[in-house]
Protein backbone atom coordinates (compact mmCIF):
# COMPACT_ATOMS: atom_id res chain seq x y z
CA MET A 1 -13.70 -7.59 4.50
CA THR A 2 -12.75 -10.85 2.80
CA ARG A 3 -16.31 -12.14 2.84
CA ARG A 4 -17.74 -8.89 1.49
CA CYS A 5 -15.20 -8.59 -1.32
CA THR A 6 -15.50 -12.25 -2.29
CA GLY A 7 -19.29 -12.01 -2.46
CA THR A 8 -19.09 -8.91 -4.64
CA LEU A 9 -16.54 -10.56 -6.93
CA ILE A 10 -18.63 -13.72 -7.32
CA ALA A 11 -21.64 -11.61 -8.29
CA LEU A 12 -19.55 -9.61 -10.78
CA ASN A 13 -18.08 -12.81 -12.18
CA HIS A 14 -21.58 -14.14 -12.89
CA ALA A 15 -22.62 -10.83 -14.47
CA ARG A 16 -19.34 -10.35 -16.36
CA HIS A 17 -20.90 -11.35 -19.68
CA VAL A 18 -23.56 -8.64 -19.37
CA ILE A 19 -21.26 -5.81 -18.24
CA PRO A 20 -19.19 -4.12 -20.97
CA SER A 21 -15.56 -5.19 -20.71
CA SER A 22 -14.38 -1.57 -20.81
CA THR A 23 -16.29 -0.67 -17.62
CA LEU A 24 -15.64 -3.87 -15.68
CA PRO A 25 -12.21 -2.76 -14.33
CA ASP A 26 -13.74 0.49 -13.07
CA ILE A 27 -16.57 -1.38 -11.34
CA VAL A 28 -14.16 -3.81 -9.69
CA GLN A 29 -11.94 -0.91 -8.69
CA ALA A 30 -14.88 0.94 -7.12
CA LEU A 31 -16.57 -1.98 -5.37
CA VAL A 32 -13.65 -4.16 -4.28
CA ILE A 33 -10.23 -2.55 -4.56
CA SER A 34 -11.47 0.58 -2.77
CA ILE A 35 -12.46 -1.57 0.23
CA VAL A 36 -9.09 -3.30 0.19
CA ARG A 37 -7.27 0.03 0.06
CA TYR A 38 -9.42 1.45 2.86
CA CYS A 39 -8.59 -1.50 5.12
CA MET A 40 -4.83 -1.34 4.49
CA SER A 41 -4.30 0.75 7.61
CA VAL A 42 -5.57 -2.24 9.61
CA TYR A 43 -3.74 -4.90 7.60
CA GLY A 44 -0.43 -3.00 7.59
CA SER A 45 0.91 -4.54 10.77
CA CYS A 46 -0.68 -7.97 10.48
CA SER A 47 0.82 -11.37 9.82
CA SER A 48 1.74 -12.78 6.44
CA THR A 49 -1.35 -15.03 6.57
CA GLN A 50 -3.63 -11.99 6.61
CA ILE A 51 -1.63 -10.30 3.84
CA GLN A 52 -2.07 -13.49 1.80
CA ARG A 53 -5.86 -13.12 2.14
CA VAL A 54 -5.67 -9.61 0.69
CA HIS A 55 -3.40 -10.90 -2.08
CA LYS A 56 -6.00 -13.53 -3.01
CA ILE A 57 -8.72 -10.88 -3.22
CA ILE A 58 -6.61 -8.76 -5.56
CA ASN A 59 -5.87 -11.80 -7.73
CA PHE A 60 -9.55 -12.77 -7.79
CA SER A 61 -10.40 -9.22 -8.84
CA ALA A 62 -7.94 -9.48 -11.72
CA ARG A 63 -9.45 -12.85 -12.72
CA VAL A 64 -12.93 -11.32 -12.85
CA VAL A 65 -11.69 -8.46 -15.02
CA SER A 66 -9.64 -10.65 -17.36
CA GLY A 67 -11.91 -13.69 -17.48
CA ARG A 68 -9.09 -16.07 -16.60
CA ARG A 69 -9.71 -19.29 -14.75
CA LYS A 70 -8.75 -20.22 -11.20
CA TYR A 71 -5.36 -21.81 -11.92
CA ASP A 72 -4.21 -19.50 -14.74
CA ARG A 73 -1.35 -17.07 -14.13
CA ILE A 74 -2.64 -13.67 -13.15
CA SER A 75 0.40 -11.51 -12.25
CA ASP A 76 0.66 -10.10 -15.79
CA VAL A 77 -2.98 -8.94 -15.62
CA VAL A 78 -2.40 -7.23 -12.27
CA GLN A 79 0.59 -5.40 -13.78
CA ARG A 80 -1.32 -4.47 -16.94
CA LEU A 81 -4.15 -3.01 -14.85
CA GLY A 82 -1.61 -0.98 -12.85
CA TRP A 83 -2.71 -2.45 -9.53
CA LEU A 84 -0.33 -2.88 -6.64
CA THR A 85 0.09 -6.27 -4.98
CA ALA A 86 -0.92 -6.72 -1.35
CA CYS A 87 2.62 -6.15 -0.04
CA GLN A 88 3.05 -3.12 -2.27
CA LEU A 89 -0.29 -1.72 -1.04
CA VAL A 90 0.83 -2.11 2.57
CA GLU A 91 4.09 -0.34 1.79
CA TYR A 92 2.36 2.40 -0.22
CA HIS A 93 -0.22 3.21 2.45
CA THR A 94 2.34 3.05 5.26
CA ILE A 95 4.69 5.46 3.49
CA CYS A 96 1.81 7.78 2.56
CA ALA A 97 0.58 7.85 6.18
CA VAL A 98 4.06 8.73 7.46
CA HIS A 99 4.50 11.32 4.70
CA SER A 100 1.17 12.88 5.60
CA ALA A 101 2.08 12.93 9.30
CA ILE A 102 5.41 14.60 8.54
CA THR A 103 4.12 17.24 6.13
CA THR A 104 0.87 18.18 7.89
CA GLY A 105 1.69 17.28 11.48
CA GLN A 106 -1.57 15.36 11.70
CA PRO A 107 -2.39 13.06 13.39
CA GLN A 108 -0.36 14.47 16.23
CA TYR A 109 0.32 11.12 17.95
CA ILE A 110 1.97 9.71 14.83
CA HIS A 111 3.86 12.92 14.10
CA ASP A 112 5.30 12.95 17.64
CA THR A 113 6.61 9.37 17.39
CA ILE A 114 8.52 9.88 14.13
CA GLY A 115 12.08 11.05 14.63
CA PRO A 116 13.25 14.15 12.75
CA PRO A 117 15.65 13.91 9.80
CA ALA A 118 19.31 13.82 10.78
CA ASN A 119 19.99 17.25 9.28
CA GLN A 120 17.61 18.79 11.85
CA ARG A 121 19.56 17.24 14.72
CA HIS A 122 22.97 18.50 13.62
CA ASN A 123 24.47 20.80 11.01
CA HIS A 124 26.73 18.23 9.36
CA ASP A 125 26.17 17.55 5.68
CA THR A 126 26.20 13.77 5.47
CA ARG A 127 24.93 11.24 2.94
CA ARG A 128 21.99 10.33 5.15
CA ALA A 129 21.13 13.84 6.25
CA ASN A 130 17.59 13.74 4.83
CA ARG A 131 16.72 10.29 6.18
CA LEU A 132 14.34 10.01 9.12
CA THR A 133 15.71 9.00 12.48
CA VAL A 134 14.49 5.52 13.36
CA THR A 135 14.19 4.86 17.06
CA ARG A 136 15.52 1.55 18.33
CA MET A 137 12.81 -1.01 19.05
CA ARG A 138 13.47 -4.09 21.16
CA THR A 139 10.23 -5.98 20.64
CA ASP A 140 8.45 -7.27 17.56
CA ALA A 141 5.34 -5.35 18.58
CA GLY A 142 7.38 -2.14 18.56
CA ARG A 143 8.75 -2.97 15.10
CA ARG A 144 5.20 -3.35 13.78
CA ARG A 145 4.29 0.19 14.85
CA LEU A 146 3.45 2.57 12.03
CA SER A 147 6.08 5.10 13.06
CA TYR A 148 8.87 2.49 13.01
CA ARG A 149 7.84 0.61 9.85
CA GLY A 150 6.92 3.80 8.04
CA ALA A 151 10.19 5.55 8.79
CA LEU A 152 12.18 2.53 7.60
CA MET A 153 10.10 2.18 4.43
CA LEU A 154 10.28 5.90 3.66
CA ASN A 155 14.05 5.85 4.11
CA ASP A 156 14.37 2.79 1.84
CA SER A 157 12.15 4.28 -0.86
CA HIS A 158 14.51 7.26 -1.35
CA ALA A 159 11.42 9.38 -2.09
CA ASP A 160 11.59 13.14 -1.93
CA ILE A 161 9.21 14.23 0.84
CA GLY A 162 8.82 17.74 -0.59
CA ASP A 163 7.84 16.54 -4.08
CA ARG A 164 4.37 17.63 -5.23
CA GLN A 165 3.87 14.36 -7.12
CA PHE A 166 4.98 12.25 -4.12
CA ARG A 167 2.19 9.66 -4.28
CA ALA A 168 2.36 9.19 -8.05
CA ASN A 169 6.15 8.85 -7.96
CA LEU A 170 5.93 6.40 -5.08
CA LYS A 171 3.39 4.25 -6.93
CA ARG A 172 5.59 4.31 -10.05
CA HIS A 173 8.57 3.28 -7.94
CA LEU A 174 6.67 0.37 -6.34
CA LEU A 175 5.32 -0.86 -9.69
CA SER A 176 8.78 -0.81 -11.23
CA ARG A 177 10.18 -3.21 -8.62
């Protein structure tokens, strides 16, 4: 993925002067960021070194769009474009996958591993009644599982699962942090 995205970005960087500046963000979004977003399900449980590779691709994409040089600050451009950072993308896609598994019940193997909210286990009205039950994991491999990470992230995001604008509100919440 890194090689493919880098090659595309180098080609776009060379052709940047020919492409209208108003369409360049859309082209980068379609050719590069879409690949990064598609691969987030794989990169979600990886090491920080692999996340750093994704982060560099996102920054390189912003440099191509903005025309900034290699050592110039780029975080303001990423924010202006409304793109999520690599860590935010991992969190966004993890929460969306868990949300989808909870609301639709598909895929079944993920839905079955996510604990129900506390208010479904008992009738007490508590402060954490709507939070998902997180099973105890003893190993690091267990903590990297989608059902564990996703339940923790969804609980920490304080997002309303039943909201129709769930994904848009989640993205707004991640960008505001």
